[in-house]
Amino acid sequence: MVALEACGASHHWGRRLGALGHEVRLIPPQYVKPFVKRSKNDSRGAEAIGEAASRPGMPTVPVRSAEHQGEAMVISLREMLVGQRTQWVNTIRGHAAEFGVTTGT
């Protein structure tokens, strides 16, 4: 069994380790944090992940397929672009208002 803290690259490593025959458990960060002693570093983080993984009822996250991650990336990028477009429009509207050019919303 290999336990990893769920983060950006953990799904990739989970797929790779799973392909080698290991049982992979991805533990959400909010469940690992209570087991970290003092400030977090690699060693203390690994110890906390091991401690969290040893708990019997610890919730885990399923490893995402590459296709599912790709779909999530497309959605995330679209949301980012929509947000940026809104920022641009609001910026242009604000600058235009400085010269007395206003429109209804």
PDB file of N, CA and C in Angstrom:
ATOM      1  N   MET A   1       0.846  -1.166   0.000  1.00  0.00           N
ATOM      2  CA  MET A   1       0.000   0.000   0.000  1.00  0.00           C
ATOM      3  C   MET A   1       0.897   1.236   0.000  1.00  0.00           C
ATOM      4  N   VAL A   2       0.583   2.185  -0.888  1.00  0.00           N
ATOM      5  CA  VAL A   2       1.308   3.449  -0.968  1.00  0.00           C
ATOM      6  C   VAL A   2       0.302   4.563  -0.683  1.00  0.00           C
ATOM      7  N   ALA A   3       0.614   5.398   0.298  1.00  0.00           N
ATOM      8  CA  ALA A   3      -0.266   6.511   0.655  1.00  0.00           C
ATOM      9  C   ALA A   3       0.380   7.811   0.193  1.00  0.00           C
ATOM     10  N   LEU A   4      -0.441   8.669  -0.431  1.00  0.00           N
ATOM     11  CA  LEU A   4       0.013   9.973  -0.903  1.00  0.00           C
ATOM     12  C   LEU A   4      -0.996  11.023  -0.454  1.00  0.00           C
ATOM     13  N   GLU A   5      -0.497  12.226  -0.224  1.00  0.00           N
ATOM     14  CA  GLU A   5      -1.398  13.338   0.043  1.00  0.00           C
ATOM     15  C   GLU A   5      -1.956  13.806  -1.297  1.00  0.00           C
ATOM     16  N   ALA A   6      -3.265  13.928  -1.397  1.00  0.00           N
ATOM     17  CA  ALA A   6      -3.895  14.326  -2.660  1.00  0.00           C
ATOM     18  C   ALA A   6      -3.486  15.756  -3.008  1.00  0.00           C
ATOM     19  N   CYS A   7      -2.849  15.919  -4.155  1.00  0.00           N
ATOM     20  CA  CYS A   7      -2.426  17.230  -4.631  1.00  0.00           C
ATOM     21  C   CYS A   7      -2.375  17.177  -6.155  1.00  0.00           C
ATOM     22  N   GLY A   8      -1.817  18.183  -6.779  1.00  0.00           N
ATOM     23  CA  GLY A   8      -1.799  18.269  -8.235  1.00  0.00           C
ATOM     24  C   GLY A   8      -1.171  17.078  -8.926  1.00  0.00           C
ATOM     25  N   ALA A   9      -0.026  16.619  -8.466  1.00  0.00           N
ATOM     26  CA  ALA A   9       0.690  15.547  -9.151  1.00  0.00           C
ATOM     27  C   ALA A   9       0.370  14.163  -8.597  1.00  0.00           C
ATOM     28  N   SER A  10      -0.385  14.087  -7.512  1.00  0.00           N
ATOM     29  CA  SER A  10      -0.605  12.788  -6.872  1.00  0.00           C
ATOM     30  C   SER A  10      -1.399  11.820  -7.748  1.00  0.00           C
ATOM     31  N   HIS A  11      -2.296  12.330  -8.587  1.00  0.00           N
ATOM     32  CA  HIS A  11      -3.070  11.439  -9.447  1.00  0.00           C
ATOM     33  C   HIS A  11      -2.168  10.799 -10.503  1.00  0.00           C
ATOM     34  N   HIS A  12      -1.226  11.578 -11.028  1.00  0.00           N
ATOM     35  CA  HIS A  12      -0.263  11.020 -11.991  1.00  0.00           C
ATOM     36  C   HIS A  12       0.539   9.901 -11.337  1.00  0.00           C
ATOM     37  N   TRP A  13       1.100  10.196 -10.144  1.00  0.00           N
ATOM     38  CA  TRP A  13       1.905   9.185  -9.466  1.00  0.00           C
ATOM     39  C   TRP A  13       1.046   8.013  -9.011  1.00  0.00           C
ATOM     40  N   GLY A  14      -0.186   8.275  -8.660  1.00  0.00           N
ATOM     41  CA  GLY A  14      -1.099   7.193  -8.291  1.00  0.00           C
ATOM     42  C   GLY A  14      -1.337   6.241  -9.448  1.00  0.00           C
ATOM     43  N   ARG A  15      -1.520   6.796 -10.654  1.00  0.00           N
ATOM     44  CA  ARG A  15      -1.691   5.937 -11.837  1.00  0.00           C
ATOM     45  C   ARG A  15      -0.427   5.132 -12.102  1.00  0.00           C
ATOM     46  N   ARG A  16       0.730   5.792 -12.005  1.00  0.00           N
ATOM     47  CA  ARG A  16       2.004   5.104 -12.271  1.00  0.00           C
ATOM     48  C   ARG A  16       2.248   3.982 -11.259  1.00  0.00           C
ATOM     49  N   LEU A  17       2.027   4.284  -9.976  1.00  0.00           N
ATOM     50  CA  LEU A  17       2.246   3.275  -8.941  1.00  0.00           C
ATOM     51  C   LEU A  17       1.208   2.160  -9.021  1.00  0.00           C
ATOM     52  N   GLY A  18      -0.025   2.519  -9.369  1.00  0.00           N
ATOM     53  CA  GLY A  18      -1.068   1.508  -9.544  1.00  0.00           C
ATOM     54  C   GLY A  18      -0.746   0.559 -10.682  1.00  0.00           C
ATOM     55  N   ALA A  19      -0.152   1.088 -11.754  1.00  0.00           N
ATOM     56  CA  ALA A  19       0.233   0.245 -12.895  1.00  0.00           C
ATOM     57  C   ALA A  19       1.331  -0.750 -12.505  1.00  0.00           C
ATOM     58  N   LEU A  20       2.092  -0.421 -11.479  1.00  0.00           N
ATOM     59  CA  LEU A  20       3.138  -1.333 -10.992  1.00  0.00           C
ATOM     60  C   LEU A  20       2.590  -2.362 -10.012  1.00  0.00           C
ATOM     61  N   GLY A  21       1.292  -2.289  -9.729  1.00  0.00           N
ATOM     62  CA  GLY A  21       0.659  -3.280  -8.873  1.00  0.00           C
ATOM     63  C   GLY A  21       0.450  -2.852  -7.434  1.00  0.00           C
ATOM     64  N   HIS A  22       0.750  -1.606  -7.102  1.00  0.00           N
ATOM     65  CA  HIS A  22       0.580  -1.141  -5.726  1.00  0.00           C
ATOM     66  C   HIS A  22      -0.850  -0.686  -5.491  1.00  0.00           C
ATOM     67  N   GLU A  23      -1.299  -0.849  -4.251  1.00  0.00           N
ATOM     68  CA  GLU A  23      -2.577  -0.262  -3.845  1.00  0.00           C
ATOM     69  C   GLU A  23      -2.283   1.183  -3.458  1.00  0.00           C
ATOM     70  N   VAL A  24      -2.950   2.136  -4.107  1.00  0.00           N
ATOM     71  CA  VAL A  24      -2.676   3.555  -3.885  1.00  0.00           C
ATOM     72  C   VAL A  24      -3.834   4.175  -3.121  1.00  0.00           C
ATOM     73  N   ARG A  25      -3.491   4.899  -2.061  1.00  0.00           N
ATOM     74  CA  ARG A  25      -4.482   5.655  -1.296  1.00  0.00           C
ATOM     75  C   ARG A  25      -4.096   7.127  -1.340  1.00  0.00           C
ATOM     76  N   LEU A  26      -5.012   7.945  -1.829  1.00  0.00           N
ATOM     77  CA  LEU A  26      -4.807   9.394  -1.834  1.00  0.00           C
ATOM     78  C   LEU A  26      -5.633   9.979  -0.694  1.00  0.00           C
ATOM     79  N   ILE A  27      -4.948  10.646   0.213  1.00  0.00           N
ATOM     80  CA  ILE A  27      -5.612  11.204   1.388  1.00  0.00           C
ATOM     81  C   ILE A  27      -5.712  12.721   1.224  1.00  0.00           C
ATOM     82  N   PRO A  28      -6.917  13.287   1.365  1.00  0.00           N
ATOM     83  CA  PRO A  28      -7.072  14.741   1.235  1.00  0.00           C
ATOM     84  C   PRO A  28      -6.226  15.482   2.274  1.00  0.00           C
ATOM     85  N   PRO A  29      -5.654  16.628   1.886  1.00  0.00           N
ATOM     86  CA  PRO A  29      -4.766  17.373   2.789  1.00  0.00           C
ATOM     87  C   PRO A  29      -5.398  17.749   4.127  1.00  0.00           C
ATOM     88  N   GLN A  30      -6.695  18.033   4.140  1.00  0.00           N
ATOM     89  CA  GLN A  30      -7.328  18.430   5.389  1.00  0.00           C
ATOM     90  C   GLN A  30      -7.355  17.305   6.417  1.00  0.00           C
ATOM     91  N   TYR A  31      -7.198  16.049   5.963  1.00  0.00           N
ATOM     92  CA  TYR A  31      -7.137  14.928   6.892  1.00  0.00           C
ATOM     93  C   TYR A  31      -5.704  14.602   7.300  1.00  0.00           C
ATOM     94  N   VAL A  32      -4.737  15.081   6.553  1.00  0.00           N
ATOM     95  CA  VAL A  32      -3.324  14.859   6.890  1.00  0.00           C
ATOM     96  C   VAL A  32      -2.850  15.919   7.880  1.00  0.00           C
ATOM     97  N   LYS A  33      -3.319  17.145   7.722  1.00  0.00           N
ATOM     98  CA  LYS A  33      -2.832  18.281   8.503  1.00  0.00           C
ATOM     99  C   LYS A  33      -2.873  18.055  10.014  1.00  0.00           C
ATOM    100  N   PRO A  34      -3.932  17.454  10.585  1.00  0.00           N
ATOM    101  CA  PRO A  34      -3.935  17.270  12.043  1.00  0.00           C
ATOM    102  C   PRO A  34      -2.795  16.391  12.566  1.00  0.00           C
ATOM    103  N   PHE A  35      -2.176  15.604  11.697  1.00  0.00           N
ATOM    104  CA  PHE A  35      -1.115  14.703  12.136  1.00  0.00           C
ATOM    105  C   PHE A  35       0.281  15.299  11.976  1.00  0.00           C
ATOM    106  N   VAL A  36       0.382  16.518  11.433  1.00  0.00           N
ATOM    107  CA  VAL A  36       1.683  17.162  11.244  1.00  0.00           C
ATOM    108  C   VAL A  36       2.141  17.737  12.582  1.00  0.00           C
ATOM    109  N   LYS A  37       3.362  17.379  12.959  1.00  0.00           N
ATOM    110  CA  LYS A  37       3.931  17.904  14.199  1.00  0.00           C
ATOM    111  C   LYS A  37       4.746  19.152  13.867  1.00  0.00           C
ATOM    112  N   ARG A  38       4.450  20.249  14.519  1.00  0.00           N
ATOM    113  CA  ARG A  38       5.122  21.533  14.288  1.00  0.00           C
ATOM    114  C   ARG A  38       5.009  21.958  12.833  1.00  0.00           C
ATOM    115  N   SER A  39       5.993  22.680  12.328  1.00  0.00           N
ATOM    116  CA  SER A  39       5.915  23.164  10.948  1.00  0.00           C
ATOM    117  C   SER A  39       6.193  22.026   9.977  1.00  0.00           C
ATOM    118  N   LYS A  40       5.521  22.075   8.848  1.00  0.00           N
ATOM    119  CA  LYS A  40       5.582  20.973   7.887  1.00  0.00           C
ATOM    120  C   LYS A  40       6.835  21.060   7.017  1.00  0.00           C
ATOM    121  N   ASN A  41       7.503  19.939   6.869  1.00  0.00           N
ATOM    122  CA  ASN A  41       8.573  19.773   5.885  1.00  0.00           C
ATOM    123  C   ASN A  41       8.398  18.387   5.281  1.00  0.00           C
ATOM    124  N   ASP A  42       9.267  17.978   4.392  1.00  0.00           N
ATOM    125  CA  ASP A  42       9.080  16.691   3.712  1.00  0.00           C
ATOM    126  C   ASP A  42       9.026  15.526   4.687  1.00  0.00           C
ATOM    127  N   SER A  43       9.927  15.516   5.643  1.00  0.00           N
ATOM    128  CA  SER A  43       9.992  14.409   6.597  1.00  0.00           C
ATOM    129  C   SER A  43       8.752  14.356   7.485  1.00  0.00           C
ATOM    130  N   ARG A  44       8.374  15.495   8.043  1.00  0.00           N
ATOM    131  CA  ARG A  44       7.187  15.537   8.901  1.00  0.00           C
ATOM    132  C   ARG A  44       5.910  15.302   8.108  1.00  0.00           C
ATOM    133  N   GLY A  45       5.887  15.768   6.866  1.00  0.00           N
ATOM    134  CA  GLY A  45       4.728  15.510   6.007  1.00  0.00           C
ATOM    135  C   GLY A  45       4.575  14.029   5.717  1.00  0.00           C
ATOM    136  N   ALA A  46       5.677  13.354   5.422  1.00  0.00           N
ATOM    137  CA  ALA A  46       5.633  11.911   5.151  1.00  0.00           C
ATOM    138  C   ALA A  46       5.181  11.149   6.392  1.00  0.00           C
ATOM    139  N   GLU A  47       5.672  11.580   7.550  1.00  0.00           N
ATOM    140  CA  GLU A  47       5.256  10.938   8.802  1.00  0.00           C
ATOM    141  C   GLU A  47       3.760  11.131   9.029  1.00  0.00           C
ATOM    142  N   ALA A  48       3.257  12.333   8.764  1.00  0.00           N
ATOM    143  CA  ALA A  48       1.832  12.617   8.947  1.00  0.00           C
ATOM    144  C   ALA A  48       0.979  11.811   7.969  1.00  0.00           C
ATOM    145  N   ILE A  49       1.440  11.666   6.732  1.00  0.00           N
ATOM    146  CA  ILE A  49       0.693  10.870   5.748  1.00  0.00           C
ATOM    147  C   ILE A  49       0.646   9.414   6.195  1.00  0.00           C
ATOM    148  N   GLY A  50       1.775   8.893   6.673  1.00  0.00           N
ATOM    149  CA  GLY A  50       1.809   7.515   7.161  1.00  0.00           C
ATOM    150  C   GLY A  50       0.883   7.308   8.342  1.00  0.00           C
ATOM    151  N   GLU A  51       0.874   8.268   9.264  1.00  0.00           N
ATOM    152  CA  GLU A  51      -0.002   8.179  10.429  1.00  0.00           C
ATOM    153  C   GLU A  51      -1.471   8.239  10.005  1.00  0.00           C
ATOM    154  N   ALA A  52      -1.796   9.154   9.107  1.00  0.00           N
ATOM    155  CA  ALA A  52      -3.181   9.276   8.642  1.00  0.00           C
ATOM    156  C   ALA A  52      -3.619   8.015   7.904  1.00  0.00           C
ATOM    157  N   ALA A  53      -2.731   7.454   7.082  1.00  0.00           N
ATOM    158  CA  ALA A  53      -3.079   6.261   6.310  1.00  0.00           C
ATOM    159  C   ALA A  53      -3.291   5.046   7.194  1.00  0.00           C
ATOM    160  N   SER A  54      -2.679   5.038   8.382  1.00  0.00           N
ATOM    161  CA  SER A  54      -2.817   3.885   9.275  1.00  0.00           C
ATOM    162  C   SER A  54      -4.152   3.882  10.022  1.00  0.00           C
ATOM    163  N   ARG A  55      -4.864   4.988   9.985  1.00  0.00           N
ATOM    164  CA  ARG A  55      -6.163   5.063  10.658  1.00  0.00           C
ATOM    165  C   ARG A  55      -7.208   4.281   9.858  1.00  0.00           C
ATOM    166  N   PRO A  56      -8.011   3.456  10.543  1.00  0.00           N
ATOM    167  CA  PRO A  56      -8.932   2.571   9.813  1.00  0.00           C
ATOM    168  C   PRO A  56     -10.016   3.268   9.003  1.00  0.00           C
ATOM    169  N   GLY A  57     -10.598   4.344   9.491  1.00  0.00           N
ATOM    170  CA  GLY A  57     -11.711   4.961   8.776  1.00  0.00           C
ATOM    171  C   GLY A  57     -11.336   6.180   7.966  1.00  0.00           C
ATOM    172  N   MET A  58     -10.067   6.319   7.640  1.00  0.00           N
ATOM    173  CA  MET A  58      -9.599   7.526   6.951  1.00  0.00           C
ATOM    174  C   MET A  58     -10.189   7.597   5.538  1.00  0.00           C
ATOM    175  N   PRO A  59     -10.896   8.693   5.199  1.00  0.00           N
ATOM    176  CA  PRO A  59     -11.443   8.814   3.849  1.00  0.00           C
ATOM    177  C   PRO A  59     -10.328   9.027   2.824  1.00  0.00           C
ATOM    178  N   THR A  60     -10.514   8.472   1.669  1.00  0.00           N
ATOM    179  CA  THR A  60      -9.533   8.612   0.590  1.00  0.00           C
ATOM    180  C   THR A  60     -10.209   9.148  -0.657  1.00  0.00           C
ATOM    181  N   VAL A  61      -9.390   9.589  -1.599  1.00  0.00           N
ATOM    182  CA  VAL A  61      -9.859  10.113  -2.880  1.00  0.00           C
ATOM    183  C   VAL A  61      -9.480   9.098  -3.947  1.00  0.00           C
ATOM    184  N   PRO A  62     -10.395   8.755  -4.851  1.00  0.00           N
ATOM    185  CA  PRO A  62     -10.011   7.823  -5.921  1.00  0.00           C
ATOM    186  C   PRO A  62      -9.021   8.474  -6.888  1.00  0.00           C
ATOM    187  N   VAL A  63      -8.128   7.675  -7.428  1.00  0.00           N
ATOM    188  CA  VAL A  63      -7.159   8.174  -8.409  1.00  0.00           C
ATOM    189  C   VAL A  63      -7.904   8.480  -9.699  1.00  0.00           C
ATOM    190  N   ARG A  64      -7.737   9.684 -10.218  1.00  0.00           N
ATOM    191  CA  ARG A  64      -8.427  10.089 -11.452  1.00  0.00           C
ATOM    192  C   ARG A  64      -7.700   9.529 -12.667  1.00  0.00           C
ATOM    193  N   SER A  65      -8.469   9.197 -13.675  1.00  0.00           N
ATOM    194  CA  SER A  65      -7.867   8.782 -14.946  1.00  0.00           C
ATOM    195  C   SER A  65      -7.332  10.026 -15.657  1.00  0.00           C
ATOM    196  N   ALA A  66      -6.441   9.811 -16.595  1.00  0.00           N
ATOM    197  CA  ALA A  66      -5.883  10.930 -17.357  1.00  0.00           C
ATOM    198  C   ALA A  66      -6.995  11.651 -18.124  1.00  0.00           C
ATOM    199  N   GLU A  67      -7.974  10.901 -18.620  1.00  0.00           N
ATOM    200  CA  GLU A  67      -9.086  11.507 -19.365  1.00  0.00           C
ATOM    201  C   GLU A  67      -9.910  12.423 -18.449  1.00  0.00           C
ATOM    202  N   HIS A  68     -10.173  11.942 -17.244  1.00  0.00           N
ATOM    203  CA  HIS A  68     -10.958  12.743 -16.303  1.00  0.00           C
ATOM    204  C   HIS A  68     -10.201  14.004 -15.916  1.00  0.00           C
ATOM    205  N   GLN A  69      -8.897  13.897 -15.715  1.00  0.00           N
ATOM    206  CA  GLN A  69      -8.101  15.075 -15.401  1.00  0.00           C
ATOM    207  C   GLN A  69      -8.105  16.066 -16.553  1.00  0.00           C
ATOM    208  N   GLY A  70      -8.038  15.564 -17.787  1.00  0.00           N
ATOM    209  CA  GLY A  70      -8.069  16.437 -18.954  1.00  0.00           C
ATOM    210  C   GLY A  70      -9.381  17.193 -19.055  1.00  0.00           C
ATOM    211  N   GLU A  71     -10.494  16.493 -18.796  1.00  0.00           N
ATOM    212  CA  GLU A  71     -11.801  17.137 -18.823  1.00  0.00           C
ATOM    213  C   GLU A  71     -11.887  18.224 -17.755  1.00  0.00           C
ATOM    214  N   ALA A  72     -11.368  17.938 -16.566  1.00  0.00           N
ATOM    215  CA  ALA A  72     -11.390  18.923 -15.483  1.00  0.00           C
ATOM    216  C   ALA A  72     -10.529  20.140 -15.828  1.00  0.00           C
ATOM    217  N   MET A  73      -9.423  19.914 -16.535  1.00  0.00           N
ATOM    218  CA  MET A  73      -8.556  21.025 -16.938  1.00  0.00           C
ATOM    219  C   MET A  73      -9.262  21.939 -17.923  1.00  0.00           C
ATOM    220  N   VAL A  74      -9.993  21.364 -18.866  1.00  0.00           N
ATOM    221  CA  VAL A  74     -10.717  22.169 -19.845  1.00  0.00           C
ATOM    222  C   VAL A  74     -11.746  23.053 -19.139  1.00  0.00           C
ATOM    223  N   ILE A  75     -12.469  22.481 -18.187  1.00  0.00           N
ATOM    224  CA  ILE A  75     -13.466  23.250 -17.440  1.00  0.00           C
ATOM    225  C   ILE A  75     -12.787  24.358 -16.646  1.00  0.00           C
ATOM    226  N   SER A  76     -11.674  24.037 -15.993  1.00  0.00           N
ATOM    227  CA  SER A  76     -10.944  25.020 -15.202  1.00  0.00           C
ATOM    228  C   SER A  76     -10.426  26.166 -16.070  1.00  0.00           C
ATOM    229  N   LEU A  77      -9.869  25.835 -17.227  1.00  0.00           N
ATOM    230  CA  LEU A  77      -9.366  26.867 -18.135  1.00  0.00           C
ATOM    231  C   LEU A  77     -10.490  27.762 -18.648  1.00  0.00           C
ATOM    232  N   ARG A  78     -11.629  27.144 -18.961  1.00  0.00           N
ATOM    233  CA  ARG A  78     -12.764  27.937 -19.435  1.00  0.00           C
ATOM    234  C   ARG A  78     -13.217  28.913 -18.357  1.00  0.00           C
ATOM    235  N   GLU A  79     -13.308  28.448 -17.104  1.00  0.00           N
ATOM    236  CA  GLU A  79     -13.711  29.332 -16.009  1.00  0.00           C
ATOM    237  C   GLU A  79     -12.711  30.468 -15.835  1.00  0.00           C
ATOM    238  N   MET A  80     -11.422  30.167 -15.981  1.00  0.00           N
ATOM    239  CA  MET A  80     -10.407  31.198 -15.857  1.00  0.00           C
ATOM    240  C   MET A  80     -10.555  32.240 -16.966  1.00  0.00           C
ATOM    241  N   LEU A  81     -10.786  31.785 -18.202  1.00  0.00           N
ATOM    242  CA  LEU A  81     -10.924  32.709 -19.323  1.00  0.00           C
ATOM    243  C   LEU A  81     -12.163  33.584 -19.181  1.00  0.00           C
ATOM    244  N   VAL A  82     -13.256  33.006 -18.699  1.00  0.00           N
ATOM    245  CA  VAL A  82     -14.473  33.797 -18.471  1.00  0.00           C
ATOM    246  C   VAL A  82     -14.201  34.857 -17.411  1.00  0.00           C
ATOM    247  N   GLY A  83     -13.482  34.484 -16.351  1.00  0.00           N
ATOM    248  CA  GLY A  83     -13.136  35.444 -15.305  1.00  0.00           C
ATOM    249  C   GLY A  83     -12.243  36.560 -15.830  1.00  0.00           C
ATOM    250  N   GLN A  84     -11.260  36.202 -16.659  1.00  0.00           N
ATOM    251  CA  GLN A  84     -10.372  37.212 -17.234  1.00  0.00           C
ATOM    252  C   GLN A  84     -11.130  38.152 -18.162  1.00  0.00           C
ATOM    253  N   ARG A  85     -12.051  37.591 -18.938  1.00  0.00           N
ATOM    254  CA  ARG A  85     -12.853  38.435 -19.829  1.00  0.00           C
ATOM    255  C   ARG A  85     -13.651  39.444 -19.018  1.00  0.00           C
ATOM    256  N   THR A  86     -14.236  38.992 -17.910  1.00  0.00           N
ATOM    257  CA  THR A  86     -14.994  39.891 -17.046  1.00  0.00           C
ATOM    258  C   THR A  86     -14.097  40.983 -16.479  1.00  0.00           C
ATOM    259  N   GLN A  87     -12.886  40.624 -16.071  1.00  0.00           N
ATOM    260  CA  GLN A  87     -11.944  41.622 -15.557  1.00  0.00           C
ATOM    261  C   GLN A  87     -11.606  42.657 -16.623  1.00  0.00           C
ATOM    262  N   TRP A  88     -11.361  42.206 -17.835  1.00  0.00           N
ATOM    263  CA  TRP A  88     -11.036  43.133 -18.940  1.00  0.00           C
ATOM    264  C   TRP A  88     -12.189  44.110 -19.189  1.00  0.00           C
ATOM    265  N   VAL A  89     -13.392  43.564 -19.279  1.00  0.00           N
ATOM    266  CA  VAL A  89     -14.562  44.409 -19.551  1.00  0.00           C
ATOM    267  C   VAL A  89     -14.736  45.433 -18.436  1.00  0.00           C
ATOM    268  N   ASN A  90     -14.597  45.007 -17.182  1.00  0.00           N
ATOM    269  CA  ASN A  90     -14.741  45.944 -16.067  1.00  0.00           C
ATOM    270  C   ASN A  90     -13.640  46.993 -16.068  1.00  0.00           C
ATOM    271  N   THR A  91     -12.417  46.609 -16.435  1.00  0.00           N
ATOM    272  CA  THR A  91     -11.311  47.565 -16.513  1.00  0.00           C
ATOM    273  C   THR A  91     -11.575  48.598 -17.600  1.00  0.00           C
ATOM    274  N   ILE A  92     -11.986  48.139 -18.769  1.00  0.00           N
ATOM    275  CA  ILE A  92     -12.271  49.064 -19.875  1.00  0.00           C
ATOM    276  C   ILE A  92     -13.422  49.992 -19.500  1.00  0.00           C
ATOM    277  N   ARG A  93     -14.445  49.433 -18.871  1.00  0.00           N
ATOM    278  CA  ARG A  93     -15.589  50.245 -18.458  1.00  0.00           C
ATOM    279  C   ARG A  93     -15.145  51.317 -17.453  1.00  0.00           C
ATOM    280  N   GLY A  94     -14.266  50.944 -16.514  1.00  0.00           N
ATOM    281  CA  GLY A  94     -13.769  51.904 -15.523  1.00  0.00           C
ATOM    282  C   GLY A  94     -12.952  53.008 -16.157  1.00  0.00           C
ATOM    283  N   HIS A  95     -12.068  52.641 -17.102  1.00  0.00           N
ATOM    284  CA  HIS A  95     -11.262  53.654 -17.785  1.00  0.00           C
ATOM    285  C   HIS A  95     -12.137  54.574 -18.640  1.00  0.00           C
ATOM    286  N   ALA A  96     -13.128  54.005 -19.296  1.00  0.00           N
ATOM    287  CA  ALA A  96     -14.019  54.826 -20.119  1.00  0.00           C
ATOM    288  C   ALA A  96     -14.811  55.799 -19.243  1.00  0.00           C
ATOM    289  N   ALA A  97     -15.201  55.342 -18.045  1.00  0.00           N
ATOM    290  CA  ALA A  97     -15.962  56.210 -17.142  1.00  0.00           C
ATOM    291  C   ALA A  97     -15.135  57.418 -16.711  1.00  0.00           C
ATOM    292  N   GLU A  98     -13.800  57.254 -16.647  1.00  0.00           N
ATOM    293  CA  GLU A  98     -12.933  58.378 -16.289  1.00  0.00           C
ATOM    294  C   GLU A  98     -13.009  59.498 -17.313  1.00  0.00           C
ATOM    295  N   PHE A  99     -13.408  59.179 -18.544  1.00  0.00           N
ATOM    296  CA  PHE A  99     -13.563  60.179 -19.597  1.00  0.00           C
ATOM    297  C   PHE A  99     -15.030  60.503 -19.850  1.00  0.00           C
ATOM    298  N   GLY A 100     -15.910  60.069 -18.963  1.00  0.00           N
ATOM    299  CA  GLY A 100     -17.325  60.408 -19.073  1.00  0.00           C
ATOM    300  C   GLY A 100     -18.106  59.504 -20.001  1.00  0.00           C
ATOM    301  N   VAL A 101     -17.496  58.429 -20.462  1.00  0.00           N
ATOM    302  CA  VAL A 101     -18.200  57.490 -21.338  1.00  0.00           C
ATOM    303  C   VAL A 101     -18.792  56.397 -20.473  1.00  0.00           C
ATOM    304  N   THR A 102     -20.103  56.366 -20.367  1.00  0.00           N
ATOM    305  CA  THR A 102     -20.770  55.349 -19.562  1.00  0.00           C
ATOM    306  C   THR A 102     -21.901  54.733 -20.373  1.00  0.00           C
ATOM    307  N   THR A 103     -22.229  53.525 -20.019  1.00  0.00           N
ATOM    308  CA  THR A 103     -23.338  52.826 -20.684  1.00  0.00           C
ATOM    309  C   THR A 103     -24.152  52.105 -19.608  1.00  0.00           C
ATOM    310  N   GLY A 104     -25.316  51.692 -19.983  1.00  0.00           N
ATOM    311  CA  GLY A 104     -26.127  50.900 -19.079  1.00  0.00           C
ATOM    312  C   GLY A 104     -25.586  49.465 -19.032  1.00  0.00           C
ATOM    313  N   THR A 105     -25.876  48.776 -17.966  1.00  0.00           N
ATOM    314  CA  THR A 105     -25.376  47.408 -17.844  1.00  0.00           C
ATOM    315  C   THR A 105     -26.343  46.389 -18.353  1.00  0.00           C
TER     316      THR A 105
END
